[in-house]
Amino acid sequence: MELINIENLIDKYFKGETNLIEEKELQTYFSSSDVAAHLVQYKSIFNYFKEAKNEQFTSSISLKPKKKKYIAWLSAVASVAILLGVASYIYLDNKIVNHSSDLGTCKNPEIALKETQKALALLSGHINTGIESIEILSEYKYSKNKIFKE
């Protein structure tokens, strides 16, 4: 009867359905000398687990980080390069801007009207292009709903 119980426990073990008590029972069975001949192949598995519990790590671990000097120098050079790039961009960007106070003003009202109409016509053309794109999308949505019957 015990042999059938052990075989059932082995099946449960390989399916991952055993609990700790059943695994302990398997370990004690396979550590004994009277193991059935057809179950001898499993003896090394359970003896390994028994021996693995006693293993310990004996080497020493160095807790001091090893810093590499070229990484520190490389990061310092990169920081200086970024700082110089940002500073030169700000310096050159401020030089290019024209600080005239009469920008966008027009002395002649007729010219101002024509320029405003031209700007509004350009804006209207871009808006109309966007509306046409939206109409294409709504036609696509209608077709998709018709095909998939949503």
C-alpha atoms as a PDB file:
ATOM      1  CA  MET A   1       0.000   0.000   0.000  1.00  0.00           C
ATOM      2  CA  GLU A   2       2.882   2.349   0.761  1.00  0.00           C
ATOM      3  CA  LEU A   3       4.373   1.876  -2.708  1.00  0.00           C
ATOM      4  CA  ILE A   4       1.098   2.920  -4.385  1.00  0.00           C
ATOM      5  CA  ASN A   5       0.965   5.950  -2.106  1.00  0.00           C
ATOM      6  CA  ILE A   6       4.524   6.918  -3.050  1.00  0.00           C
ATOM      7  CA  GLU A   7       3.763   6.526  -6.779  1.00  0.00           C
ATOM      8  CA  ASN A   8       0.677   8.742  -6.396  1.00  0.00           C
ATOM      9  CA  LEU A   9       2.742  11.321  -4.525  1.00  0.00           C
ATOM     10  CA  ILE A  10       5.376  11.310  -7.293  1.00  0.00           C
ATOM     11  CA  ASP A  11       2.667  11.933  -9.898  1.00  0.00           C
ATOM     12  CA  LYS A  12       1.252  14.777  -7.803  1.00  0.00           C
ATOM     13  CA  TYR A  13       4.777  16.170  -7.273  1.00  0.00           C
ATOM     14  CA  PHE A  14       5.520  16.429 -10.991  1.00  0.00           C
ATOM     15  CA  LYS A  15       2.117  18.029 -11.586  1.00  0.00           C
ATOM     16  CA  GLY A  16       2.938  20.610  -8.889  1.00  0.00           C
ATOM     17  CA  GLU A  17       0.044  19.613  -6.642  1.00  0.00           C
ATOM     18  CA  THR A  18       1.880  18.412  -3.505  1.00  0.00           C
ATOM     19  CA  ASN A  19       2.085  20.267  -0.223  1.00  0.00           C
ATOM     20  CA  LEU A  20       5.105  20.499   2.082  1.00  0.00           C
ATOM     21  CA  ILE A  21       4.117  17.488   4.181  1.00  0.00           C
ATOM     22  CA  GLU A  22       3.812  15.261   1.122  1.00  0.00           C
ATOM     23  CA  GLU A  23       7.163  16.484  -0.239  1.00  0.00           C
ATOM     24  CA  LYS A  24       8.785  15.762   3.122  1.00  0.00           C
ATOM     25  CA  GLU A  25       7.315  12.251   2.975  1.00  0.00           C
ATOM     26  CA  LEU A  26       8.856  11.757  -0.479  1.00  0.00           C
ATOM     27  CA  GLN A  27      12.234  12.978   0.761  1.00  0.00           C
ATOM     28  CA  THR A  28      12.234  10.600   3.710  1.00  0.00           C
ATOM     29  CA  TYR A  29      11.211   7.679   1.475  1.00  0.00           C
ATOM     30  CA  PHE A  30      13.964   8.346  -1.064  1.00  0.00           C
ATOM     31  CA  SER A  31      16.608   8.923   1.607  1.00  0.00           C
ATOM     32  CA  SER A  32      15.961   5.438   3.017  1.00  0.00           C
ATOM     33  CA  SER A  33      17.722   2.350   1.679  1.00  0.00           C
ATOM     34  CA  ASP A  34      14.618   0.355   0.715  1.00  0.00           C
ATOM     35  CA  VAL A  35      13.533   2.216  -2.455  1.00  0.00           C
ATOM     36  CA  ALA A  36      11.646   0.190  -5.068  1.00  0.00           C
ATOM     37  CA  ALA A  37      13.680  -0.702  -8.150  1.00  0.00           C
ATOM     38  CA  HIS A  38      11.485   1.162 -10.609  1.00  0.00           C
ATOM     39  CA  LEU A  39      11.640   4.332  -8.437  1.00  0.00           C
ATOM     40  CA  VAL A  40      15.439   4.444  -8.009  1.00  0.00           C
ATOM     41  CA  GLN A  41      15.684   6.969 -10.835  1.00  0.00           C
ATOM     42  CA  TYR A  42      13.917   9.586  -8.642  1.00  0.00           C
ATOM     43  CA  LYS A  43      16.256   9.058  -5.692  1.00  0.00           C
ATOM     44  CA  SER A  44      18.910  11.437  -7.036  1.00  0.00           C
ATOM     45  CA  ILE A  45      16.332  14.239  -7.434  1.00  0.00           C
ATOM     46  CA  PHE A  46      15.172  14.162  -3.837  1.00  0.00           C
ATOM     47  CA  ASN A  47      18.682  13.617  -2.463  1.00  0.00           C
ATOM     48  CA  TYR A  48      19.815  16.689  -4.391  1.00  0.00           C
ATOM     49  CA  PHE A  49      17.217  18.824  -2.624  1.00  0.00           C
ATOM     50  CA  LYS A  50      18.395  17.482   0.728  1.00  0.00           C
ATOM     51  CA  GLU A  51      22.010  18.357  -0.074  1.00  0.00           C
ATOM     52  CA  ALA A  52      21.118  21.732  -1.584  1.00  0.00           C
ATOM     53  CA  LYS A  53      19.704  22.903   1.755  1.00  0.00           C
ATOM     54  CA  ASN A  54      23.157  22.573   3.317  1.00  0.00           C
ATOM     55  CA  GLU A  55      24.991  24.595   0.656  1.00  0.00           C
ATOM     56  CA  GLN A  56      26.350  27.981   1.672  1.00  0.00           C
ATOM     57  CA  PHE A  57      28.042  30.786  -0.205  1.00  0.00           C
ATOM     58  CA  THR A  58      31.553  31.196   1.175  1.00  0.00           C
ATOM     59  CA  SER A  59      33.221  33.722  -1.133  1.00  0.00           C
ATOM     60  CA  SER A  60      33.646  37.317  -0.061  1.00  0.00           C
ATOM     61  CA  ILE A  61      31.826  40.113  -1.829  1.00  0.00           C
ATOM     62  CA  SER A  62      33.546  43.419  -2.444  1.00  0.00           C
ATOM     63  CA  LEU A  63      31.173  46.223  -1.489  1.00  0.00           C
ATOM     64  CA  LYS A  64      33.372  49.062  -2.756  1.00  0.00           C
ATOM     65  CA  PRO A  65      32.252  50.266  -6.181  1.00  0.00           C
ATOM     66  CA  LYS A  66      34.965  50.472  -8.780  1.00  0.00           C
ATOM     67  CA  LYS A  67      34.820  53.904 -10.359  1.00  0.00           C
ATOM     68  CA  LYS A  68      36.306  54.444 -13.730  1.00  0.00           C
ATOM     69  CA  LYS A  69      38.023  57.808 -14.108  1.00  0.00           C
ATOM     70  CA  TYR A  70      37.314  58.247 -17.798  1.00  0.00           C
ATOM     71  CA  ILE A  71      33.548  58.094 -17.192  1.00  0.00           C
ATOM     72  CA  ALA A  72      33.811  60.976 -14.719  1.00  0.00           C
ATOM     73  CA  TRP A  73      35.879  63.001 -17.180  1.00  0.00           C
ATOM     74  CA  LEU A  74      33.539  62.186 -20.034  1.00  0.00           C
ATOM     75  CA  SER A  75      30.499  63.340 -18.068  1.00  0.00           C
ATOM     76  CA  ALA A  76      32.270  66.571 -17.086  1.00  0.00           C
ATOM     77  CA  VAL A  77      33.215  67.300 -20.723  1.00  0.00           C
ATOM     78  CA  ALA A  78      29.666  66.561 -21.865  1.00  0.00           C
ATOM     79  CA  SER A  79      28.246  68.913 -19.233  1.00  0.00           C
ATOM     80  CA  VAL A  80      30.573  71.722 -20.317  1.00  0.00           C
ATOM     81  CA  ALA A  81      29.702  71.150 -23.989  1.00  0.00           C
ATOM     82  CA  ILE A  82      25.976  71.310 -23.261  1.00  0.00           C
ATOM     83  CA  LEU A  83      26.436  74.439 -21.149  1.00  0.00           C
ATOM     84  CA  LEU A  84      28.425  76.161 -23.918  1.00  0.00           C
ATOM     85  CA  GLY A  85      25.833  75.153 -26.510  1.00  0.00           C
ATOM     86  CA  VAL A  86      22.933  76.558 -24.504  1.00  0.00           C
ATOM     87  CA  ALA A  87      24.834  79.755 -23.678  1.00  0.00           C
ATOM     88  CA  SER A  88      25.804  80.363 -27.321  1.00  0.00           C
ATOM     89  CA  TYR A  89      22.230  79.731 -28.481  1.00  0.00           C
ATOM     90  CA  ILE A  90      20.851  82.242 -25.982  1.00  0.00           C
ATOM     91  CA  TYR A  91      23.529  84.806 -26.868  1.00  0.00           C
ATOM     92  CA  LEU A  92      23.064  84.477 -30.635  1.00  0.00           C
ATOM     93  CA  ASP A  93      19.267  84.289 -30.413  1.00  0.00           C
ATOM     94  CA  ASN A  94      19.118  87.577 -28.505  1.00  0.00           C
ATOM     95  CA  LYS A  95      21.322  89.294 -31.118  1.00  0.00           C
ATOM     96  CA  ILE A  96      19.104  88.312 -34.056  1.00  0.00           C
ATOM     97  CA  VAL A  97      15.862  89.721 -32.602  1.00  0.00           C
ATOM     98  CA  ASN A  98      15.070  93.215 -33.880  1.00  0.00           C
ATOM     99  CA  HIS A  99      13.876  95.378 -30.999  1.00  0.00           C
ATOM    100  CA  SER A 100      11.968  97.830 -33.150  1.00  0.00           C
ATOM    101  CA  SER A 101       8.740  99.059 -31.567  1.00  0.00           C
ATOM    102  CA  ASP A 102       6.865  99.685 -34.841  1.00  0.00           C
ATOM    103  CA  LEU A 103       6.670  96.040 -35.949  1.00  0.00           C
ATOM    104  CA  GLY A 104       3.286  95.096 -37.362  1.00  0.00           C
ATOM    105  CA  THR A 105       2.046  98.632 -37.829  1.00  0.00           C
ATOM    106  CA  CYS A 106       1.071 100.178 -41.103  1.00  0.00           C
ATOM    107  CA  LYS A 107       0.725 103.910 -41.892  1.00  0.00           C
ATOM    108  CA  ASN A 108      -1.705 103.514 -44.792  1.00  0.00           C
ATOM    109  CA  PRO A 109      -5.105 102.005 -43.842  1.00  0.00           C
ATOM    110  CA  GLU A 110      -5.747 100.713 -47.398  1.00  0.00           C
ATOM    111  CA  ILE A 111      -2.527  98.708 -47.394  1.00  0.00           C
ATOM    112  CA  ALA A 112      -3.377  97.398 -43.918  1.00  0.00           C
ATOM    113  CA  LEU A 113      -6.821  96.301 -45.165  1.00  0.00           C
ATOM    114  CA  LYS A 114      -5.336  94.494 -48.190  1.00  0.00           C
ATOM    115  CA  GLU A 115      -2.709  92.733 -46.033  1.00  0.00           C
ATOM    116  CA  THR A 116      -5.360  91.696 -43.514  1.00  0.00           C
ATOM    117  CA  GLN A 117      -7.600  90.341 -46.302  1.00  0.00           C
ATOM    118  CA  LYS A 118      -4.648  88.434 -47.750  1.00  0.00           C
ATOM    119  CA  ALA A 119      -3.826  86.909 -44.344  1.00  0.00           C
ATOM    120  CA  LEU A 120      -7.466  85.961 -43.729  1.00  0.00           C
ATOM    121  CA  ALA A 121      -7.737  84.389 -47.204  1.00  0.00           C
ATOM    122  CA  LEU A 122      -4.631  82.298 -46.487  1.00  0.00           C
ATOM    123  CA  LEU A 123      -6.084  81.228 -43.143  1.00  0.00           C
ATOM    124  CA  SER A 124      -9.431  80.398 -44.762  1.00  0.00           C
ATOM    125  CA  GLY A 125      -7.716  78.242 -47.379  1.00  0.00           C
ATOM    126  CA  HIS A 126      -5.947  76.221 -44.693  1.00  0.00           C
ATOM    127  CA  ILE A 127      -9.167  75.808 -42.706  1.00  0.00           C
ATOM    128  CA  ASN A 128     -11.006  74.625 -45.818  1.00  0.00           C
ATOM    129  CA  THR A 129      -8.275  72.053 -46.446  1.00  0.00           C
ATOM    130  CA  GLY A 130      -8.728  70.773 -42.904  1.00  0.00           C
ATOM    131  CA  ILE A 131     -12.500  70.576 -43.304  1.00  0.00           C
ATOM    132  CA  GLU A 132     -12.088  68.543 -46.516  1.00  0.00           C
ATOM    133  CA  SER A 133      -9.876  66.091 -44.620  1.00  0.00           C
ATOM    134  CA  ILE A 134     -12.512  65.742 -41.917  1.00  0.00           C
ATOM    135  CA  GLU A 135     -15.190  65.076 -44.534  1.00  0.00           C
ATOM    136  CA  ILE A 136     -13.062  62.259 -45.950  1.00  0.00           C
ATOM    137  CA  LEU A 137     -12.740  60.794 -42.460  1.00  0.00           C
ATOM    138  CA  SER A 138     -16.485  60.963 -41.851  1.00  0.00           C
ATOM    139  CA  GLU A 139     -17.091  59.189 -45.200  1.00  0.00           C
ATOM    140  CA  TYR A 140     -14.601  56.500 -44.131  1.00  0.00           C
ATOM    141  CA  LYS A 141     -16.393  56.097 -40.791  1.00  0.00           C
ATOM    142  CA  TYR A 142     -19.763  55.797 -42.551  1.00  0.00           C
ATOM    143  CA  SER A 143     -18.384  53.123 -44.911  1.00  0.00           C
ATOM    144  CA  LYS A 144     -16.771  51.216 -42.068  1.00  0.00           C
ATOM    145  CA  ASN A 145     -19.979  51.212 -40.057  1.00  0.00           C
ATOM    146  CA  LYS A 146     -21.915  50.058 -43.116  1.00  0.00           C
ATOM    147  CA  ILE A 147     -19.500  47.170 -43.723  1.00  0.00           C
ATOM    148  CA  PHE A 148     -19.172  46.042 -40.102  1.00  0.00           C
ATOM    149  CA  LYS A 149     -22.782  46.976 -39.210  1.00  0.00           C
ATOM    150  CA  GLU A 150     -22.031  48.802 -35.998  1.00  0.00           C
END
